[in-house]
C-alpha cells in the first residue's frame, strides 16, 4: 500500500470516527434532554394530586362567589339586629328606671 493510499485510508477512518463521535454527542445531548424531561414529568405527576385539589378549591370558590355578598349582608344584618336589640334593651331599662323614679315622685 502506498503512502498516499494509507493517508487516504487514515483520512476516511478519521472522518468516520469524527462522524461516530458527533453522532454519540448528539445522542448524549438527546439522552440528557430526555432525562430532564423525565424528571420534569415525574415532578408534574407528583404535583398532580395537589393541582387537582387546587382546581377543586377554585371551582368551589367560583360557585361560592355569587353567594358571598349575600352572606356578608346577612352577617351585617345580624350584627345590626344584635346591636339594635342591645340598644332597645338598654332604652327599656332606662325607661323602667325613669318610670319608677317618676312614680316615687308622684307618691311623695
N, C-alpha and C. Protein backbone atom coordinates (compact mmCIF):
# COMPACT_ATOMS: atom_id res chain seq x y z
N UNK A 1 0.84 -1.16 0.00
CA UNK A 1 0.00 0.00 0.00
C UNK A 1 0.90 1.23 0.00
N UNK A 2 0.56 2.13 -0.84
CA UNK A 2 1.39 3.31 -0.96
C UNK A 2 1.07 4.28 0.16
N UNK A 3 1.93 5.22 0.28
CA UNK A 3 1.79 6.23 1.32
C UNK A 3 0.51 7.04 1.11
N UNK A 4 0.21 7.34 -0.13
CA UNK A 4 -0.99 8.11 -0.44
C UNK A 4 -2.24 7.30 -0.11
N UNK A 5 -2.22 6.00 -0.39
CA UNK A 5 -3.37 5.14 -0.10
C UNK A 5 -3.57 5.03 1.39
N UNK A 6 -2.42 4.90 2.14
CA UNK A 6 -2.55 4.86 3.61
C UNK A 6 -3.08 6.17 4.15
N UNK A 7 -2.65 7.26 3.57
CA UNK A 7 -3.11 8.58 4.01
C UNK A 7 -4.61 8.71 3.75
N UNK A 8 -5.05 8.30 2.56
CA UNK A 8 -6.48 8.36 2.23
C UNK A 8 -7.29 7.46 3.17
N UNK A 9 -6.77 6.28 3.47
CA UNK A 9 -7.47 5.36 4.38
C UNK A 9 -7.54 5.96 5.78
N UNK A 10 -6.46 6.59 6.22
CA UNK A 10 -6.45 7.23 7.54
C UNK A 10 -7.43 8.40 7.57
N UNK A 11 -7.50 9.17 6.48
CA UNK A 11 -8.44 10.29 6.41
C UNK A 11 -9.88 9.78 6.47
N UNK A 12 -10.16 8.71 5.76
CA UNK A 12 -11.51 8.13 5.78
C UNK A 12 -11.84 7.61 7.18
N UNK A 13 -10.87 6.92 7.80
CA UNK A 13 -11.08 6.39 9.15
C UNK A 13 -11.32 7.55 10.14
N UNK A 14 -10.55 8.63 9.98
CA UNK A 14 -10.72 9.80 10.83
C UNK A 14 -12.10 10.42 10.62
N UNK A 15 -12.53 10.54 9.39
CA UNK A 15 -13.84 11.11 9.09
C UNK A 15 -14.95 10.24 9.68
N UNK A 16 -14.80 8.93 9.55
CA UNK A 16 -15.79 8.02 10.12
C UNK A 16 -15.81 8.13 11.65
N UNK A 17 -14.62 8.20 12.26
CA UNK A 17 -14.54 8.32 13.72
C UNK A 17 -15.16 9.64 14.18
N UNK A 18 -14.90 10.73 13.44
CA UNK A 18 -15.49 12.03 13.80
C UNK A 18 -17.01 11.98 13.64
N UNK A 19 -17.50 11.31 12.62
CA UNK A 19 -18.95 11.18 12.40
C UNK A 19 -19.58 10.39 13.54
N UNK A 20 -18.92 9.28 13.94
CA UNK A 20 -19.42 8.49 15.07
C UNK A 20 -19.41 9.33 16.35
N UNK A 21 -18.30 10.09 16.56
CA UNK A 21 -18.20 10.95 17.73
C UNK A 21 -19.34 11.97 17.74
N UNK A 22 -19.59 12.60 16.60
CA UNK A 22 -20.66 13.60 16.51
C UNK A 22 -22.03 12.96 16.79
N UNK A 23 -22.23 11.75 16.24
CA UNK A 23 -23.49 11.04 16.47
C UNK A 23 -23.65 10.71 17.96
N UNK A 24 -22.57 10.29 18.59
CA UNK A 24 -22.61 9.98 20.02
C UNK A 24 -22.90 11.25 20.84
N UNK A 25 -22.27 12.37 20.45
CA UNK A 25 -22.54 13.64 21.15
C UNK A 25 -24.01 14.02 21.04
N UNK A 26 -24.55 13.91 19.82
CA UNK A 26 -25.97 14.23 19.61
C UNK A 26 -26.83 13.29 20.45
N UNK A 27 -26.47 12.01 20.44
CA UNK A 27 -27.21 11.03 21.24
C UNK A 27 -27.15 11.35 22.72
N UNK A 28 -25.98 11.74 23.19
CA UNK A 28 -25.81 12.11 24.60
C UNK A 28 -26.65 13.33 24.95
N UNK A 29 -26.65 14.33 24.06
CA UNK A 29 -27.46 15.53 24.29
C UNK A 29 -28.94 15.19 24.34
N UNK A 30 -29.38 14.34 23.41
CA UNK A 30 -30.78 13.94 23.40
C UNK A 30 -31.12 13.15 24.66
N UNK A 31 -30.20 12.27 25.07
CA UNK A 31 -30.42 11.50 26.29
C UNK A 31 -30.54 12.43 27.49
N UNK A 32 -29.66 13.40 27.56
CA UNK A 32 -29.70 14.36 28.67
C UNK A 32 -31.03 15.12 28.65
N UNK A 33 -31.43 15.56 27.46
CA UNK A 33 -32.70 16.29 27.33
C UNK A 33 -33.88 15.40 27.75
N UNK A 34 -33.86 14.14 27.34
CA UNK A 34 -34.94 13.22 27.72
C UNK A 34 -34.93 12.95 29.22
N UNK A 35 -33.75 12.85 29.81
CA UNK A 35 -33.67 12.66 31.26
C UNK A 35 -34.27 13.87 31.99
N UNK A 36 -33.96 15.06 31.50
CA UNK A 36 -34.52 16.28 32.09
C UNK A 36 -36.05 16.29 31.95
N UNK A 37 -36.52 15.90 30.78
CA UNK A 37 -37.96 15.86 30.56
C UNK A 37 -38.63 14.82 31.47
N UNK A 38 -37.95 13.67 31.63
CA UNK A 38 -38.49 12.63 32.50
C UNK A 38 -38.57 13.13 33.94
N UNK A 39 -37.52 13.82 34.40
CA UNK A 39 -37.55 14.38 35.75
C UNK A 39 -38.70 15.38 35.90
N UNK A 40 -38.86 16.23 34.90
CA UNK A 40 -39.93 17.23 34.93
C UNK A 40 -41.29 16.54 34.95
N UNK A 41 -41.43 15.50 34.13
CA UNK A 41 -42.68 14.74 34.10
C UNK A 41 -42.95 14.10 35.46
N UNK A 42 -41.92 13.53 36.08
CA UNK A 42 -42.09 12.93 37.41
C UNK A 42 -42.55 13.97 38.43
N UNK A 43 -41.95 15.18 38.35
CA UNK A 43 -42.36 16.26 39.27
C UNK A 43 -43.81 16.66 39.00
N UNK A 44 -44.17 16.77 37.73
CA UNK A 44 -45.54 17.15 37.39
C UNK A 44 -46.53 16.08 37.85
N UNK A 45 -46.17 14.83 37.67
CA UNK A 45 -47.05 13.75 38.10
C UNK A 45 -47.18 13.74 39.62
N UNK A 46 -46.07 14.03 40.32
CA UNK A 46 -46.13 14.07 41.78
C UNK A 46 -46.98 15.25 42.25
N UNK A 47 -46.96 16.35 41.51
CA UNK A 47 -47.73 17.54 41.89
C UNK A 47 -49.20 17.44 41.47
N UNK A 48 -49.54 16.48 40.66
CA UNK A 48 -50.89 16.39 40.09
C UNK A 48 -51.99 16.32 41.17
N UNK A 49 -51.85 15.50 42.22
CA UNK A 49 -52.91 15.49 43.24
C UNK A 49 -53.12 16.86 43.88
N UNK A 50 -52.03 17.55 44.16
CA UNK A 50 -52.14 18.88 44.76
C UNK A 50 -52.80 19.84 43.77
N UNK A 51 -52.43 19.74 42.50
CA UNK A 51 -53.04 20.59 41.48
C UNK A 51 -54.53 20.33 41.37
N UNK A 52 -54.93 19.07 41.43
CA UNK A 52 -56.36 18.74 41.38
C UNK A 52 -57.08 19.31 42.59
N UNK A 53 -56.44 19.23 43.74
CA UNK A 53 -57.03 19.81 44.95
C UNK A 53 -57.24 21.30 44.78
N UNK A 54 -56.22 21.99 44.24
CA UNK A 54 -56.36 23.43 43.99
C UNK A 54 -57.49 23.71 43.00
N UNK A 55 -57.60 22.89 41.98
CA UNK A 55 -58.66 23.07 40.99
C UNK A 55 -60.03 22.91 41.63
N UNK A 56 -60.18 21.93 42.54
CA UNK A 56 -61.45 21.74 43.24
C UNK A 56 -61.75 22.94 44.13
N UNK A 57 -60.71 23.45 44.80
CA UNK A 57 -60.90 24.62 45.66
C UNK A 57 -61.31 25.83 44.83
N UNK A 58 -60.66 26.00 43.68
CA UNK A 58 -61.03 27.12 42.80
C UNK A 58 -62.46 26.98 42.29
N UNK A 59 -62.84 25.77 41.93
CA UNK A 59 -64.21 25.55 41.45
C UNK A 59 -65.21 25.86 42.57
N UNK A 60 -64.90 25.44 43.78
CA UNK A 60 -65.79 25.73 44.91
C UNK A 60 -65.86 27.23 45.17
N UNK A 61 -64.73 27.91 45.05
CA UNK A 61 -64.72 29.36 45.24
C UNK A 61 -65.54 30.05 44.16
N UNK A 62 -65.45 29.56 42.94
CA UNK A 62 -66.25 30.15 41.85
C UNK A 62 -67.74 29.94 42.09
N UNK A 63 -68.10 28.77 42.62
CA UNK A 63 -69.52 28.52 42.92
C UNK A 63 -69.99 29.38 44.09
N UNK A 64 -69.10 29.63 45.04
CA UNK A 64 -69.47 30.40 46.23
C UNK A 64 -69.45 31.90 45.99
N UNK A 65 -68.73 32.35 45.00
CA UNK A 65 -68.55 33.79 44.77
C UNK A 65 -69.87 34.55 44.66
N UNK A 66 -70.87 34.07 43.94
CA UNK A 66 -72.13 34.83 43.85
C UNK A 66 -72.87 34.90 45.19
N UNK A 67 -72.64 33.95 46.08
CA UNK A 67 -73.37 33.88 47.34
C UNK A 67 -72.69 34.73 48.43
N UNK A 68 -71.40 34.96 48.28
CA UNK A 68 -70.65 35.67 49.34
C UNK A 68 -71.24 37.04 49.68
N UNK A 69 -71.63 37.87 48.72
CA UNK A 69 -72.22 39.16 49.10
C UNK A 69 -73.49 38.98 49.94
N UNK A 70 -74.27 37.96 49.63
CA UNK A 70 -75.48 37.70 50.42
C UNK A 70 -75.13 37.28 51.84
N UNK A 71 -74.10 36.47 51.97
CA UNK A 71 -73.67 36.04 53.29
C UNK A 71 -73.15 37.23 54.08
N UNK A 72 -72.36 38.08 53.43
CA UNK A 72 -71.86 39.27 54.12
C UNK A 72 -73.00 40.17 54.55
N UNK A 73 -73.97 40.36 53.68
CA UNK A 73 -75.12 41.21 54.01
C UNK A 73 -75.91 40.62 55.17
N UNK A 74 -76.12 39.31 55.14
CA UNK A 74 -76.86 38.65 56.23
C UNK A 74 -76.11 38.77 57.54
N UNK A 75 -74.80 38.60 57.48
CA UNK A 75 -73.98 38.73 58.69
C UNK A 75 -74.04 40.14 59.24
N UNK A 76 -73.94 41.13 58.35
CA UNK A 76 -74.02 42.52 58.80
C UNK A 76 -75.40 42.81 59.38
N UNK A 77 -76.46 42.29 58.76
CA UNK A 77 -77.81 42.50 59.27
C UNK A 77 -77.97 41.85 60.65
N UNK A 78 -77.38 40.69 60.82
CA UNK A 78 -77.44 40.01 62.12
C UNK A 78 -76.72 40.83 63.19
N UNK A 79 -75.56 41.36 62.85
CA UNK A 79 -74.83 42.21 63.80
C UNK A 79 -75.62 43.47 64.11
N UNK A 80 -76.22 44.09 63.09
CA UNK A 80 -77.03 45.29 63.31
C UNK A 80 -78.24 44.98 64.19
N UNK A 81 -78.86 43.83 63.96
CA UNK A 81 -80.02 43.43 64.77
C UNK A 81 -79.60 43.21 66.22
N UNK A 82 -78.47 42.59 66.43
CA UNK A 82 -77.99 42.36 67.80
C UNK A 82 -77.70 43.70 68.48
N UNK A 83 -77.08 44.60 67.75
CA UNK A 83 -76.78 45.93 68.30
C UNK A 83 -78.07 46.69 68.61
N UNK A 84 -79.04 46.60 67.70
CA UNK A 84 -80.32 47.28 67.91
C UNK A 84 -81.06 46.69 69.11
N UNK A 85 -80.98 45.38 69.29
CA UNK A 85 -81.61 44.74 70.45
C UNK A 85 -80.97 45.20 71.73
N UNK A 86 -79.64 45.30 71.73
CA UNK A 86 -78.96 45.80 72.93
C UNK A 86 -79.39 47.23 73.24
N UNK A 87 -79.46 48.06 72.22
CA UNK A 87 -79.89 49.45 72.42
C UNK A 87 -81.33 49.49 72.91
N UNK A 88 -82.18 48.65 72.34
CA UNK A 88 -83.58 48.59 72.76
C UNK A 88 -83.69 48.17 74.21
N UNK A 89 -82.94 47.10 74.56
CA UNK A 89 -82.96 46.62 75.95
C UNK A 89 -82.46 47.70 76.89
N UNK A 90 -81.43 48.42 76.49
CA UNK A 90 -80.90 49.50 77.32
C UNK A 90 -81.92 50.61 77.49
N UNK A 91 -82.59 50.98 76.41
CA UNK A 91 -83.63 52.03 76.49
C UNK A 91 -84.79 51.57 77.36
N UNK A 92 -85.18 50.31 77.24
CA UNK A 92 -86.26 49.80 78.09
C UNK A 92 -85.85 49.85 79.56
N UNK A 93 -84.60 49.50 79.83
CA UNK A 93 -84.10 49.55 81.21
C UNK A 93 -84.10 50.99 81.72
N UNK A 94 -83.63 51.91 80.88
CA UNK A 94 -83.65 53.33 81.28
C UNK A 94 -85.07 53.82 81.49
N UNK A 95 -85.99 53.43 80.61
CA UNK A 95 -87.39 53.85 80.76
C UNK A 95 -87.99 53.30 82.04
N UNK A 96 -87.66 52.03 82.35
CA UNK A 96 -88.19 51.43 83.59
C UNK A 96 -87.68 52.19 84.80
N UNK A 97 -86.39 52.56 84.80
CA UNK A 97 -85.86 53.36 85.92
C UNK A 97 -86.53 54.72 85.99
N UNK A 98 -86.73 55.33 84.83
CA UNK A 98 -87.37 56.65 84.78
C UNK A 98 -88.81 56.55 85.30
N UNK A 99 -89.52 55.50 84.86
CA UNK A 99 -90.91 55.33 85.29
C UNK A 99 -90.99 55.10 86.79
N UNK A 100 -90.08 54.32 87.35
CA UNK A 100 -90.07 54.08 88.79
C UNK A 100 -89.80 55.36 89.56
N UNK A 101 -88.82 56.13 89.05
CA UNK A 101 -88.48 57.38 89.75
C UNK A 101 -89.63 58.37 89.64
N UNK A 102 -90.33 58.39 88.52
CA UNK A 102 -91.48 59.29 88.35
C UNK A 102 -92.61 58.87 89.30
N UNK A 103 -92.85 57.59 89.43
CA UNK A 103 -93.90 57.11 90.35
C UNK A 103 -93.56 57.45 91.79
N UNK A 104 -92.30 57.37 92.13
CA UNK A 104 -91.89 57.71 93.50
C UNK A 104 -92.14 59.18 93.79
N UNK A 105 -91.83 60.02 92.80
CA UNK A 105 -92.04 61.46 92.99
C UNK A 105 -93.51 61.76 93.16
N UNK A 106 -94.34 61.12 92.37
CA UNK A 106 -95.78 61.36 92.47
C UNK A 106 -96.30 60.83 93.80
N UNK A 107 -95.74 59.74 94.27
CA UNK A 107 -96.17 59.13 95.53
C UNK A 107 -95.74 59.99 96.72
N UNK A 108 -94.69 60.75 96.57
CA UNK A 108 -94.20 61.53 97.72
C UNK A 108 -94.90 62.81 97.89
